[in-house]
Structure formats: C-alpha cells, structure tokens
Amino acid sequence: MKIAISGIGHMGAWLAKELRRDHEIALYDRDEGRSGAIECVTVLPLPSWLADFKPELFINAVSLRNTISAFEESVPYLPKDCIICDVLSIKTDMPDYYRESPFSFVSMHPMFGPTFANMDSLREENVVIISESDREGAEFFKGFFTGLGLKIFEYSFQEHDRMMAHSLTLPFIASMVFAASVDARAVPGTTFKKHMAITKGLLSEDDSLLTEILFNPYSIAEVEKATSRLEFLKHVIRGKDDEELAAFFKKLRNNIL
C-alpha cells in the first residue's frame, strides 16, 4: 500500500519506521530534516507533492491544534479513494470534520509513547480504533497492530474522550500536583523517587500533547473529583480519626483491585 504521513514527531516517526517494512511510505513535515532522518521513505517537500505520490492512505500525525489545518492543506492533493486518518489523543473536533469530508476515514489512538513504552516491544500495550471508522481502513490497522501484539479496543468518538478523561487526565493531574508541590531539596524515599521519575517523564512530553489531554471537555469533571477527594483527605487528617482513615484506606484498596 502507498501510505503518506504528515507530521514526523514521535508517533509519526514510529509509524513510518514500522509501516515501511511492508508498504511504500512518503513523509511530509514542515521541518524537512525530520522526514529526511528516516531511511527508505520518500520525502515530500510540500503537501502538493502528494498529487504525484497518490497515497491510498493518508495519516495525519500532527498536534491536535494543527490537525484540521494539516488536513485542509493536504486533502486537495489526495486521490478521491484515499482513506484519511488521525491519531489524536482527544477527538473533540473530529466527528464534525469527518462528517463534512468526502473522504473515508479511520480515527485511532495508539495509547503508548516513547517516554514510558518500550517502542521496540509493544506487546500488551493498547490502541483504540474509533467505531465510526471506515471498515476497510479499520481492518488494515487491526491487522497492523495485532501483528505487533497490541490489544485493540473499539469505542465511539464520545466514549473515547470520556474514557481518556479518566485514563489520561487523572494520572496527568496527579503528577502535575506532585510537581507543583515538590521540594527538590527533600531527601527522597523510594516512593518519592518513583513519583519523581513518572513526573519527569510526563513533563518531557510536548506541551501540545499535555494541553490536548487537559483541554478534553471531560477533563474538568476528573479535576473536580480529585479535588473533592483531596478535601475529604484533609478532613480526615485534621480530625485524626483512626476508624475513618482505616475505612478510607479500605476504599482505596478496593478501587485498585
């Protein structure tokens, strides 16, 4: 298959390296050095060069704020039967865009990244494919991800964003509160060091990724829930009520079983 990828950041580069094994790949990035750093692919200096490449699949791997504009500058040069694809962590604006687009689409979310995942061995990592996606395109990616040993889940656009508020926003804000409160002069215990490693990894991500997770319309509910739990914990600590604290610990352990 002829596949074009726009946006050669962490995910775009990983997809290019994996897909080039079995497919003909063309890459476009405004920073041409990113595309040129990947071997065995065609580098497109401008989106207009897509017209000559004639991809069967176009993967848009730019940041959320640039996704629709990247589609708009590229789709005029795509064949009418090309399938277009996004890999966004949050899908807020995509249903409306795809509804107006004449192209078949696949929307997916590889739920792993270079900070914590072993990109050379992704077995047991997860990927979400949006259920409204074109069946042919979805089957292509199911085959691709199954071959890498990933677990595949299907959710609607709305279900996906609701779930991401819990599975991404919640740990993100926990790490950010830790970073906002930490005293670097503290003598670190084992738990402190583990929290610090996770937080440093999170904050090494692009600001655009962190922003799109936090600006998920469903994120504020998770922030409010976490805030209410902290207020309750403050109440328990102030009261020094052993029984209430024991019941709280029991509830916490039940939550993570």
C-alpha atoms as a PDB file:
ATOM      1  CA  MET A   1       0.000   0.000   0.000  1.00  0.00           C
ATOM      2  CA  LYS A   2       1.113   3.583  -0.649  1.00  0.00           C
ATOM      3  CA  ILE A   3       0.926   5.496   2.640  1.00  0.00           C
ATOM      4  CA  ALA A   4       1.658   9.175   3.256  1.00  0.00           C
ATOM      5  CA  ILE A   5       2.286  10.528   6.765  1.00  0.00           C
ATOM      6  CA  SER A   6       2.119  14.200   7.702  1.00  0.00           C
ATOM      7  CA  GLY A   7       3.801  15.255  10.955  1.00  0.00           C
ATOM      8  CA  ILE A   8       7.001  13.402  11.820  1.00  0.00           C
ATOM      9  CA  GLY A   9       7.065  13.767  15.577  1.00  0.00           C
ATOM     10  CA  HIS A  10       7.305  10.809  17.962  1.00  0.00           C
ATOM     11  CA  MET A  11       4.223   8.973  16.676  1.00  0.00           C
ATOM     12  CA  GLY A  12       4.607   9.885  13.013  1.00  0.00           C
ATOM     13  CA  ALA A  13       8.229   8.704  13.001  1.00  0.00           C
ATOM     14  CA  TRP A  14       7.340   5.449  14.756  1.00  0.00           C
ATOM     15  CA  LEU A  15       4.525   4.722  12.300  1.00  0.00           C
ATOM     16  CA  ALA A  16       6.824   5.466   9.360  1.00  0.00           C
ATOM     17  CA  LYS A  17       9.519   3.088  10.606  1.00  0.00           C
ATOM     18  CA  GLU A  18       7.052   0.283  11.274  1.00  0.00           C
ATOM     19  CA  LEU A  19       4.965   0.650   8.121  1.00  0.00           C
ATOM     20  CA  ARG A  20       7.915   0.996   5.722  1.00  0.00           C
ATOM     21  CA  ARG A  21       8.658  -2.719   6.195  1.00  0.00           C
ATOM     22  CA  ASP A  22       5.667  -3.717   4.090  1.00  0.00           C
ATOM     23  CA  HIS A  23       4.479  -0.535   2.389  1.00  0.00           C
ATOM     24  CA  GLU A  24       5.674   2.357   0.253  1.00  0.00           C
ATOM     25  CA  ILE A  25       5.907   5.397   2.543  1.00  0.00           C
ATOM     26  CA  ALA A  26       6.059   9.137   1.837  1.00  0.00           C
ATOM     27  CA  LEU A  27       6.606  11.690   4.592  1.00  0.00           C
ATOM     28  CA  TYR A  28       5.875  15.388   4.927  1.00  0.00           C
ATOM     29  CA  ASP A  29       6.850  17.675   7.794  1.00  0.00           C
ATOM     30  CA  ARG A  30       7.349  21.420   7.785  1.00  0.00           C
ATOM     31  CA  ASP A  31      10.760  20.653   9.311  1.00  0.00           C
ATOM     32  CA  GLU A  32      12.127  18.702   6.351  1.00  0.00           C
ATOM     33  CA  GLY A  33      15.016  17.433   8.482  1.00  0.00           C
ATOM     34  CA  ARG A  34      12.606  15.240  10.437  1.00  0.00           C
ATOM     35  CA  SER A  35      11.455  13.433   7.304  1.00  0.00           C
ATOM     36  CA  GLY A  36      14.984  13.201   5.926  1.00  0.00           C
ATOM     37  CA  ALA A  37      16.198  11.470   9.087  1.00  0.00           C
ATOM     38  CA  ILE A  38      14.143   8.349   8.260  1.00  0.00           C
ATOM     39  CA  GLU A  39      15.597   5.948   5.721  1.00  0.00           C
ATOM     40  CA  CYS A  40      13.813   4.040   2.949  1.00  0.00           C
ATOM     41  CA  VAL A  41      10.986   6.549   2.520  1.00  0.00           C
ATOM     42  CA  THR A  42      10.084   9.285   0.054  1.00  0.00           C
ATOM     43  CA  VAL A  43      10.395  12.828   1.424  1.00  0.00           C
ATOM     44  CA  LEU A  44       7.744  15.279   0.211  1.00  0.00           C
ATOM     45  CA  PRO A  45       8.967  18.901   0.263  1.00  0.00           C
ATOM     46  CA  LEU A  46       5.397  20.256   0.028  1.00  0.00           C
ATOM     47  CA  PRO A  47       1.877  18.851   0.500  1.00  0.00           C
ATOM     48  CA  SER A  48       1.271  19.409  -3.221  1.00  0.00           C
ATOM     49  CA  TRP A  49       3.712  16.559  -3.957  1.00  0.00           C
ATOM     50  CA  LEU A  50       1.032  14.197  -2.637  1.00  0.00           C
ATOM     51  CA  ALA A  51      -0.618  14.533  -6.048  1.00  0.00           C
ATOM     52  CA  ASP A  52       2.271  12.669  -7.684  1.00  0.00           C
ATOM     53  CA  PHE A  53       2.666  10.106  -4.892  1.00  0.00           C
ATOM     54  CA  LYS A  54      -1.075   9.193  -4.950  1.00  0.00           C
ATOM     55  CA  PRO A  55      -1.398   7.621  -1.483  1.00  0.00           C
ATOM     56  CA  GLU A  56      -4.079   5.081  -0.697  1.00  0.00           C
ATOM     57  CA  LEU A  57      -3.879   6.035   2.993  1.00  0.00           C
ATOM     58  CA  PHE A  58      -3.029   9.456   4.461  1.00  0.00           C
ATOM     59  CA  ILE A  59      -2.084   9.547   8.176  1.00  0.00           C
ATOM     60  CA  ASN A  60      -2.262  12.943   9.863  1.00  0.00           C
ATOM     61  CA  ALA A  61       0.083  12.794  12.900  1.00  0.00           C
ATOM     62  CA  VAL A  62       0.436  16.498  13.741  1.00  0.00           C
ATOM     63  CA  SER A  63      -0.675  18.036  17.066  1.00  0.00           C
ATOM     64  CA  LEU A  64      -4.353  18.484  17.888  1.00  0.00           C
ATOM     65  CA  ARG A  65      -4.375  22.243  17.266  1.00  0.00           C
ATOM     66  CA  ASN A  66      -2.881  21.744  13.794  1.00  0.00           C
ATOM     67  CA  THR A  67      -4.741  18.597  12.731  1.00  0.00           C
ATOM     68  CA  ILE A  68      -7.604  20.150  10.777  1.00  0.00           C
ATOM     69  CA  SER A  69      -5.348  22.711   9.080  1.00  0.00           C
ATOM     70  CA  ALA A  70      -2.967  19.878   8.101  1.00  0.00           C
ATOM     71  CA  PHE A  71      -5.893  18.017   6.546  1.00  0.00           C
ATOM     72  CA  GLU A  72      -7.041  21.138   4.740  1.00  0.00           C
ATOM     73  CA  GLU A  73      -3.626  21.778   3.171  1.00  0.00           C
ATOM     74  CA  SER A  74      -3.243  18.142   2.070  1.00  0.00           C
ATOM     75  CA  VAL A  75      -6.627  16.749   1.008  1.00  0.00           C
ATOM     76  CA  PRO A  76      -6.811  18.807  -2.229  1.00  0.00           C
ATOM     77  CA  TYR A  77      -3.915  16.661  -3.490  1.00  0.00           C
ATOM     78  CA  LEU A  78      -5.243  13.255  -2.414  1.00  0.00           C
ATOM     79  CA  PRO A  79      -6.947  10.728  -4.710  1.00  0.00           C
ATOM     80  CA  LYS A  80     -10.703  10.559  -4.135  1.00  0.00           C
ATOM     81  CA  ASP A  81     -10.492   6.976  -2.892  1.00  0.00           C
ATOM     82  CA  CYS A  82      -7.722   7.737  -0.362  1.00  0.00           C
ATOM     83  CA  ILE A  83      -8.559   6.941   3.282  1.00  0.00           C
ATOM     84  CA  ILE A  84      -7.601   9.703   5.714  1.00  0.00           C
ATOM     85  CA  CYS A  85      -6.579   9.008   9.308  1.00  0.00           C
ATOM     86  CA  ASP A  86      -5.817  10.820  12.568  1.00  0.00           C
ATOM     87  CA  VAL A  87      -4.001   9.555  15.686  1.00  0.00           C
ATOM     88  CA  LEU A  88      -5.233  12.166  18.173  1.00  0.00           C
ATOM     89  CA  SER A  89      -5.397  11.558  21.911  1.00  0.00           C
ATOM     90  CA  ILE A  90      -8.580  13.659  22.095  1.00  0.00           C
ATOM     91  CA  LYS A  91     -11.165  13.576  19.300  1.00  0.00           C
ATOM     92  CA  THR A  92     -13.310  16.623  20.155  1.00  0.00           C
ATOM     93  CA  ASP A  93     -13.472  18.291  16.738  1.00  0.00           C
ATOM     94  CA  MET A  94     -13.015  15.249  14.526  1.00  0.00           C
ATOM     95  CA  PRO A  95     -16.613  13.956  14.226  1.00  0.00           C
ATOM     96  CA  ASP A  96     -17.746  17.263  12.710  1.00  0.00           C
ATOM     97  CA  TYR A  97     -14.749  17.408  10.394  1.00  0.00           C
ATOM     98  CA  TYR A  98     -15.199  13.866   9.117  1.00  0.00           C
ATOM     99  CA  ARG A  99     -18.950  14.353   8.719  1.00  0.00           C
ATOM    100  CA  GLU A 100     -18.268  17.132   6.184  1.00  0.00           C
ATOM    101  CA  SER A 101     -15.338  15.387   4.488  1.00  0.00           C
ATOM    102  CA  PRO A 102     -15.836  13.479   1.210  1.00  0.00           C
ATOM    103  CA  PHE A 103     -13.112  11.012   2.236  1.00  0.00           C
ATOM    104  CA  SER A 104     -13.468   7.735   4.119  1.00  0.00           C
ATOM    105  CA  PHE A 105     -11.630   7.925   7.434  1.00  0.00           C
ATOM    106  CA  VAL A 106     -10.041   5.991  10.251  1.00  0.00           C
ATOM    107  CA  SER A 107      -9.616   7.594  13.659  1.00  0.00           C
ATOM    108  CA  MET A 108      -7.347   5.784  16.092  1.00  0.00           C
ATOM    109  CA  HIS A 109      -5.375   6.398  19.270  1.00  0.00           C
ATOM    110  CA  PRO A 110      -2.183   4.408  19.980  1.00  0.00           C
ATOM    111  CA  MET A 111      -2.092   4.626  23.788  1.00  0.00           C
ATOM    112  CA  PHE A 112       1.655   4.443  24.194  1.00  0.00           C
ATOM    113  CA  GLY A 113       4.544   6.811  23.705  1.00  0.00           C
ATOM    114  CA  PRO A 114       8.326   6.971  23.802  1.00  0.00           C
ATOM    115  CA  THR A 115       8.551   8.220  27.401  1.00  0.00           C
ATOM    116  CA  PHE A 116       7.298   5.088  29.146  1.00  0.00           C
ATOM    117  CA  ALA A 117       6.643   2.444  26.492  1.00  0.00           C
ATOM    118  CA  ASN A 118       9.335   0.217  25.019  1.00  0.00           C
ATOM    119  CA  MET A 119       8.797   1.176  21.385  1.00  0.00           C
ATOM    120  CA  ASP A 120      10.709  -1.916  20.239  1.00  0.00           C
ATOM    121  CA  SER A 121       8.382  -4.290  22.098  1.00  0.00           C
ATOM    122  CA  LEU A 122       4.816  -3.095  22.433  1.00  0.00           C
ATOM    123  CA  ARG A 123       3.114  -6.333  23.431  1.00  0.00           C
ATOM    124  CA  GLU A 124       0.324  -5.716  25.943  1.00  0.00           C
ATOM    125  CA  GLU A 125       0.144  -2.005  25.052  1.00  0.00           C
ATOM    126  CA  ASN A 126      -3.241  -0.684  23.936  1.00  0.00           C
ATOM    127  CA  VAL A 127      -4.689   1.051  20.900  1.00  0.00           C
ATOM    128  CA  VAL A 128      -8.209   2.414  20.363  1.00  0.00           C
ATOM    129  CA  ILE A 129      -9.891   2.407  16.964  1.00  0.00           C
ATOM    130  CA  ILE A 130     -12.979   4.603  16.729  1.00  0.00           C
ATOM    131  CA  SER A 131     -16.045   2.541  15.872  1.00  0.00           C
ATOM    132  CA  GLU A 132     -17.364   5.070  13.320  1.00  0.00           C
ATOM    133  CA  SER A 133     -14.250   4.492  11.183  1.00  0.00           C
ATOM    134  CA  ASP A 134     -14.327   3.071   7.659  1.00  0.00           C
ATOM    135  CA  ARG A 135     -14.357  -0.725   7.929  1.00  0.00           C
ATOM    136  CA  GLU A 136     -11.665  -1.328   5.331  1.00  0.00           C
ATOM    137  CA  GLY A 137      -9.321   1.173   6.953  1.00  0.00           C
ATOM    138  CA  ALA A 138     -10.060  -0.142  10.435  1.00  0.00           C
ATOM    139  CA  GLU A 139      -9.293  -3.711   9.339  1.00  0.00           C
ATOM    140  CA  PHE A 140      -5.951  -2.567   7.932  1.00  0.00           C
ATOM    141  CA  PHE A 141      -4.904  -1.078  11.264  1.00  0.00           C
ATOM    142  CA  LYS A 142      -6.288  -4.022  13.243  1.00  0.00           C
ATOM    143  CA  GLY A 143      -4.030  -6.298  11.241  1.00  0.00           C
ATOM    144  CA  PHE A 144      -1.059  -3.964  11.673  1.00  0.00           C
ATOM    145  CA  PHE A 145      -1.468  -3.577  15.437  1.00  0.00           C
ATOM    146  CA  THR A 146      -2.320  -7.237  16.030  1.00  0.00           C
ATOM    147  CA  GLY A 147       0.937  -8.163  14.317  1.00  0.00           C
ATOM    148  CA  LEU A 148       2.772  -6.044  16.901  1.00  0.00           C
ATOM    149  CA  GLY A 149       0.978  -7.758  19.781  1.00  0.00           C
ATOM    150  CA  LEU A 150      -1.141  -4.774  20.846  1.00  0.00           C
ATOM    151  CA  LYS A 151      -4.551  -5.006  22.465  1.00  0.00           C
ATOM    152  CA  ILE A 152      -7.224  -3.364  20.316  1.00  0.00           C
ATOM    153  CA  PHE A 153     -10.320  -1.632  21.689  1.00  0.00           C
ATOM    154  CA  GLU A 154     -13.198  -0.026  19.792  1.00  0.00           C
ATOM    155  CA  TYR A 155     -15.070   2.993  21.144  1.00  0.00           C
ATOM    156  CA  SER A 156     -17.224   5.704  19.646  1.00  0.00           C
ATOM    157  CA  PHE A 157     -15.808   9.234  19.462  1.00  0.00           C
ATOM    158  CA  GLN A 158     -17.718  10.271  22.585  1.00  0.00           C
ATOM    159  CA  GLU A 159     -16.895   7.100  24.521  1.00  0.00           C
ATOM    160  CA  HIS A 160     -13.219   7.563  23.687  1.00  0.00           C
ATOM    161  CA  ASP A 161     -12.978  11.110  25.025  1.00  0.00           C
ATOM    162  CA  ARG A 162     -14.904  10.249  28.191  1.00  0.00           C
ATOM    163  CA  MET A 163     -12.541   7.353  28.838  1.00  0.00           C
ATOM    164  CA  MET A 164      -9.445   9.454  28.120  1.00  0.00           C
ATOM    165  CA  ALA A 165     -10.513  11.960  30.769  1.00  0.00           C
ATOM    166  CA  HIS A 166     -10.150   9.176  33.324  1.00  0.00           C
ATOM    167  CA  SER A 167      -7.238   7.156  31.958  1.00  0.00           C
ATOM    168  CA  LEU A 168      -5.073  10.128  30.923  1.00  0.00           C
ATOM    169  CA  THR A 169      -6.253  13.298  32.679  1.00  0.00           C
ATOM    170  CA  LEU A 170      -6.370  11.706  36.133  1.00  0.00           C
ATOM    171  CA  PRO A 171      -2.733  10.471  36.213  1.00  0.00           C
ATOM    172  CA  PHE A 172      -1.589  13.655  34.439  1.00  0.00           C
ATOM    173  CA  ILE A 173      -3.056  15.959  37.088  1.00  0.00           C
ATOM    174  CA  ALA A 174      -1.723  13.730  39.902  1.00  0.00           C
ATOM    175  CA  SER A 175       1.790  14.127  38.505  1.00  0.00           C
ATOM    176  CA  MET A 176       1.335  17.854  37.935  1.00  0.00           C
ATOM    177  CA  VAL A 177       0.160  18.431  41.516  1.00  0.00           C
ATOM    178  CA  PHE A 178       3.204  16.482  42.709  1.00  0.00           C
ATOM    179  CA  ALA A 179       5.493  18.644  40.563  1.00  0.00           C
ATOM    180  CA  ALA A 180       3.799  21.828  41.774  1.00  0.00           C
ATOM    181  CA  SER A 181       4.270  20.831  45.431  1.00  0.00           C
ATOM    182  CA  VAL A 182       7.651  19.112  45.423  1.00  0.00           C
ATOM    183  CA  ASP A 183      10.706  20.473  47.213  1.00  0.00           C
ATOM    184  CA  ALA A 184      13.774  19.417  45.249  1.00  0.00           C
ATOM    185  CA  ARG A 185      15.871  19.627  48.425  1.00  0.00           C
ATOM    186  CA  ALA A 186      13.926  16.800  50.066  1.00  0.00           C
ATOM    187  CA  VAL A 187      15.751  13.550  50.881  1.00  0.00           C
ATOM    188  CA  PRO A 188      13.953  11.139  48.514  1.00  0.00           C
ATOM    189  CA  GLY A 189      12.442   7.903  49.728  1.00  0.00           C
ATOM    190  CA  THR A 190      11.653   5.043  47.345  1.00  0.00           C
ATOM    191  CA  THR A 191       8.084   6.192  46.652  1.00  0.00           C
ATOM    192  CA  PHE A 192       9.230   9.797  46.173  1.00  0.00           C
ATOM    193  CA  LYS A 193      11.810   8.691  43.604  1.00  0.00           C
ATOM    194  CA  LYS A 194       9.226   6.668  41.679  1.00  0.00           C
ATOM    195  CA  HIS A 195       6.834   9.602  41.627  1.00  0.00           C
ATOM    196  CA  MET A 196       9.651  11.878  40.504  1.00  0.00           C
ATOM    197  CA  ALA A 197      10.595   9.555  37.624  1.00  0.00           C
ATOM    198  CA  ILE A 198       6.996   9.396  36.403  1.00  0.00           C
ATOM    199  CA  THR A 199       6.591  13.167  36.698  1.00  0.00           C
ATOM    200  CA  LYS A 200       9.818  13.921  34.847  1.00  0.00           C
ATOM    201  CA  GLY A 201       8.747  11.565  32.077  1.00  0.00           C
ATOM    202  CA  LEU A 202       5.349  13.217  31.797  1.00  0.00           C
ATOM    203  CA  LEU A 203       6.794  16.723  31.685  1.00  0.00           C
ATOM    204  CA  SER A 204       9.270  15.705  28.991  1.00  0.00           C
ATOM    205  CA  GLU A 205       6.296  15.319  26.627  1.00  0.00           C
ATOM    206  CA  ASP A 206       5.426  18.095  24.192  1.00  0.00           C
ATOM    207  CA  ASP A 207       3.313  20.876  25.689  1.00  0.00           C
ATOM    208  CA  SER A 208       0.847  20.353  22.838  1.00  0.00           C
ATOM    209  CA  LEU A 209       0.163  16.772  23.991  1.00  0.00           C
ATOM    210  CA  LEU A 210      -0.287  17.790  27.635  1.00  0.00           C
ATOM    211  CA  THR A 211      -2.559  20.630  26.572  1.00  0.00           C
ATOM    212  CA  GLU A 212      -4.841  18.487  24.416  1.00  0.00           C
ATOM    213  CA  ILE A 213      -5.279  15.993  27.273  1.00  0.00           C
ATOM    214  CA  LEU A 214      -6.100  18.678  29.840  1.00  0.00           C
ATOM    215  CA  PHE A 215      -8.426  20.574  27.480  1.00  0.00           C
ATOM    216  CA  ASN A 216     -10.532  17.484  26.826  1.00  0.00           C
ATOM    217  CA  PRO A 217     -14.099  18.702  27.558  1.00  0.00           C
ATOM    218  CA  TYR A 218     -14.486  15.834  30.029  1.00  0.00           C
ATOM    219  CA  SER A 219     -11.277  16.619  31.956  1.00  0.00           C
ATOM    220  CA  ILE A 220     -12.773  19.178  34.316  1.00  0.00           C
ATOM    221  CA  ALA A 221     -15.021  16.532  35.894  1.00  0.00           C
ATOM    222  CA  GLU A 222     -11.941  14.457  36.749  1.00  0.00           C
ATOM    223  CA  VAL A 223     -10.200  17.513  38.222  1.00  0.00           C
ATOM    224  CA  GLU A 224     -13.246  18.281  40.358  1.00  0.00           C
ATOM    225  CA  LYS A 225     -13.488  14.671  41.522  1.00  0.00           C
ATOM    226  CA  ALA A 226      -9.795  14.632  42.502  1.00  0.00           C
ATOM    227  CA  THR A 227     -10.210  17.955  44.307  1.00  0.00           C
ATOM    228  CA  SER A 228     -13.146  16.618  46.325  1.00  0.00           C
ATOM    229  CA  ARG A 229     -11.129  13.530  47.320  1.00  0.00           C
ATOM    230  CA  LEU A 230      -8.286  15.774  48.495  1.00  0.00           C
ATOM    231  CA  GLU A 231     -10.721  17.851  50.548  1.00  0.00           C
ATOM    232  CA  PHE A 232     -12.044  14.691  52.181  1.00  0.00           C
ATOM    233  CA  LEU A 233      -8.493  13.532  52.938  1.00  0.00           C
ATOM    234  CA  LYS A 234      -7.757  16.918  54.532  1.00  0.00           C
ATOM    235  CA  HIS A 235     -10.871  16.462  56.682  1.00  0.00           C
ATOM    236  CA  VAL A 236      -9.718  13.012  57.829  1.00  0.00           C
ATOM    237  CA  ILE A 237      -6.178  14.197  58.620  1.00  0.00           C
ATOM    238  CA  ARG A 238      -7.405  17.204  60.576  1.00  0.00           C
ATOM    239  CA  GLY A 239      -9.798  15.024  62.581  1.00  0.00           C
ATOM    240  CA  LYS A 240      -7.173  12.318  63.272  1.00  0.00           C
ATOM    241  CA  ASP A 241      -9.964   9.746  63.199  1.00  0.00           C
ATOM    242  CA  ASP A 242      -8.333   6.304  63.022  1.00  0.00           C
ATOM    243  CA  GLU A 243     -11.553   4.500  62.075  1.00  0.00           C
ATOM    244  CA  GLU A 244     -12.428   6.934  59.310  1.00  0.00           C
ATOM    245  CA  LEU A 245      -8.889   6.726  57.934  1.00  0.00           C
ATOM    246  CA  ALA A 246      -8.963   2.909  58.019  1.00  0.00           C
ATOM    247  CA  ALA A 247     -12.244   2.943  56.090  1.00  0.00           C
ATOM    248  CA  PHE A 248     -10.679   5.354  53.583  1.00  0.00           C
ATOM    249  CA  PHE A 249      -7.672   3.058  53.095  1.00  0.00           C
ATOM    250  CA  LYS A 250     -10.034   0.106  52.547  1.00  0.00           C
ATOM    251  CA  LYS A 251     -11.943   2.032  49.899  1.00  0.00           C
ATOM    252  CA  LEU A 252      -8.694   2.971  48.149  1.00  0.00           C
ATOM    253  CA  ARG A 253      -7.512  -0.651  48.068  1.00  0.00           C
ATOM    254  CA  ASN A 254     -10.876  -1.794  46.709  1.00  0.00           C
ATOM    255  CA  ASN A 255     -10.648   0.830  43.941  1.00  0.00           C
ATOM    256  CA  ILE A 256      -7.360  -0.551  42.615  1.00  0.00           C
ATOM    257  CA  LEU A 257      -8.123  -4.277  42.831  1.00  0.00           C
END
